[in-house]
Each structure stands twice: as C-alpha cells, then as structure tokens.
Amino acid sequence: MALFFDAAWFSKRLAALNLQKEDMARAVGWTQEELAWVFKDQKEVSAREVAVLAALLHASPGEIANRCGISTPVAAKPVSTEAQMDQLQNRVAALEAQVAALEVALRSR
C-alpha cells in the first residue's frame, strides 16, 4: 500500500497542464474506480504507471514516485561505463595533484 499519495499536488499539476483526472486515468489505463482508489491512497502505483505519469505530467519518475508515496524509490538512470571511467580519472588526477602539493610542501621544510 502507498505511504502517502499527494492528491493536492497531482490535482494542481493536472490543472497547470490543462488536464483532468480522467486524462491521467486514461493514460495509465485505470478505470474510474481505480483512479478514485489512487487518490484515496487505497491503490499503490506501479513502476510502469510511475513512468507513464512522469511523461504525462512532465516530471521526473523520482518526483512522481515520491508524490505517490512509493516506499521503494525509482532507480536512477545507470551511469555509463565511460562516464564512470571519466569520474575515476578525474578523482585520480585530483589525488595526484594533492600528493604532488604535499611533496612540494615537505621538501620546502
């Protein structure tokens, strides 16, 4: 069961995008009864439904999951191996610069 569904946020977001609750239900594939359950915090929103709502409401999946009160956060996009290598190389370069600065400081004593 959801921890807390932020009905007010969803209502405001729908209004800002000139959408109705029925548009939300139609996009996700909920019946009117299921939509009512979601807004009453009686139906948990699935990961697939979070993704659909994120696209519909122009929000991140994490924001939608949070507003749906989902206790298990939606996983962030995995970082590519190339990006991980770049991060590691930058960290190594920073550490090497610190070591070099310490060596200079020790020699000047």
Protein backbone atom coordinates (compact mmCIF):
# COMPACT_ATOMS: atom_id res chain seq x y z
CA MET A 1 0.00 0.00 0.00
CA ALA A 2 1.20 3.52 -0.69
CA LEU A 3 2.56 5.53 2.18
CA PHE A 4 1.03 8.83 1.12
CA PHE A 5 -0.48 9.91 -2.18
CA ASP A 6 -0.17 13.67 -2.63
CA ALA A 7 -3.59 14.25 -4.21
CA ALA A 8 -3.30 18.03 -3.94
CA TRP A 9 -0.02 18.05 -5.89
CA PHE A 10 -1.45 15.84 -8.64
CA SER A 11 -4.60 17.98 -8.89
CA LYS A 12 -2.51 21.17 -9.17
CA ARG A 13 -0.16 19.59 -11.71
CA LEU A 14 -3.05 18.37 -13.85
CA ALA A 15 -4.68 21.83 -13.73
CA ALA A 16 -1.39 23.52 -14.67
CA LEU A 17 -1.21 21.30 -17.75
CA ASN A 18 -4.90 21.80 -18.54
CA LEU A 19 -5.60 18.12 -17.91
CA GLN A 20 -8.29 16.32 -15.94
CA LYS A 21 -8.04 13.33 -13.62
CA GLU A 22 -9.76 11.33 -16.35
CA ASP A 23 -6.86 12.12 -18.71
CA MET A 24 -4.50 10.71 -16.11
CA ALA A 25 -6.61 7.57 -15.73
CA ARG A 26 -6.84 7.10 -19.49
CA ALA A 27 -3.06 7.50 -19.95
CA VAL A 28 -2.28 4.93 -17.28
CA GLY A 29 -5.15 2.59 -18.13
CA TRP A 30 -7.06 2.92 -14.86
CA THR A 31 -10.80 2.64 -14.52
CA GLN A 32 -12.62 5.48 -12.75
CA GLU A 33 -12.79 3.26 -9.68
CA GLU A 34 -9.02 2.64 -9.74
CA LEU A 35 -8.40 6.37 -10.17
CA ALA A 36 -10.53 7.07 -7.10
CA TRP A 37 -8.61 4.41 -5.14
CA VAL A 38 -5.30 6.04 -6.08
CA PHE A 39 -6.48 9.49 -4.98
CA LYS A 40 -7.81 7.99 -1.72
CA ASP A 41 -4.46 6.29 -1.09
CA GLN A 42 -6.03 2.84 -1.43
CA LYS A 43 -4.15 1.68 -4.55
CA GLU A 44 -0.39 1.62 -4.96
CA VAL A 45 1.05 2.96 -8.20
CA SER A 46 3.32 0.55 -10.08
CA ALA A 47 6.70 1.39 -11.62
CA ARG A 48 5.17 1.28 -15.12
CA GLU A 49 2.42 3.66 -14.02
CA VAL A 50 5.03 5.99 -12.50
CA ALA A 51 6.81 6.14 -15.87
CA VAL A 52 3.56 6.95 -17.70
CA LEU A 53 2.63 9.63 -15.18
CA ALA A 54 6.11 11.15 -15.39
CA ALA A 55 5.75 11.56 -19.15
CA LEU A 56 2.19 12.86 -18.89
CA LEU A 57 2.92 15.36 -16.12
CA HIS A 58 6.36 16.46 -17.36
CA ALA A 59 8.03 15.40 -14.11
CA SER A 60 10.82 13.00 -13.25
CA PRO A 61 9.94 9.43 -12.30
CA GLY A 62 11.53 10.11 -8.90
CA GLU A 63 9.22 13.09 -8.31
CA ILE A 64 6.18 11.05 -9.29
CA ALA A 65 7.23 8.12 -7.10
CA ASN A 66 7.76 10.47 -4.19
CA ARG A 67 4.37 12.15 -4.71
CA CYS A 68 2.73 8.72 -4.99
CA GLY A 69 4.22 7.76 -1.65
CA ILE A 70 6.04 4.78 -3.06
CA SER A 71 8.32 3.44 -0.36
CA THR A 72 10.85 1.97 -2.79
CA PRO A 73 12.39 4.77 -4.83
CA VAL A 74 12.56 4.52 -8.58
CA ALA A 75 16.10 3.66 -9.64
CA ALA A 76 18.10 6.44 -11.20
CA LYS A 77 19.47 6.02 -14.69
CA PRO A 78 22.62 3.93 -14.54
CA VAL A 79 25.84 5.79 -15.23
CA SER A 80 27.62 4.59 -18.36
CA THR A 81 30.96 2.81 -18.07
CA GLU A 82 32.58 5.67 -19.99
CA ALA A 83 31.18 8.24 -17.54
CA GLN A 84 32.34 6.13 -14.60
CA MET A 85 35.85 5.95 -16.10
CA ASP A 86 35.88 9.73 -16.59
CA GLN A 87 34.84 10.25 -12.97
CA LEU A 88 37.55 7.87 -11.73
CA GLN A 89 40.22 9.51 -13.91
CA ASN A 90 39.22 12.93 -12.57
CA ARG A 91 39.44 11.65 -8.99
CA VAL A 92 42.86 10.10 -9.63
CA ALA A 93 44.11 13.34 -11.21
CA ALA A 94 42.87 15.33 -8.20
CA LEU A 95 44.57 12.91 -5.78
CA GLU A 96 47.81 13.05 -7.76
CA ALA A 97 47.73 16.84 -7.61
CA GLN A 98 47.23 16.73 -3.83
CA VAL A 99 50.12 14.29 -3.40
CA ALA A 100 52.37 16.48 -5.55
CA ALA A 101 51.43 19.56 -3.49
CA LEU A 102 52.22 17.67 -0.27
CA GLU A 103 55.58 16.56 -1.66
CA VAL A 104 56.47 20.15 -2.52
CA ALA A 105 55.42 21.30 0.95
CA LEU A 106 57.51 18.60 2.63
CA ARG A 107 60.61 19.41 0.53
CA SER A 108 60.39 23.08 1.40
CA ARG A 109 60.66 22.39 5.14
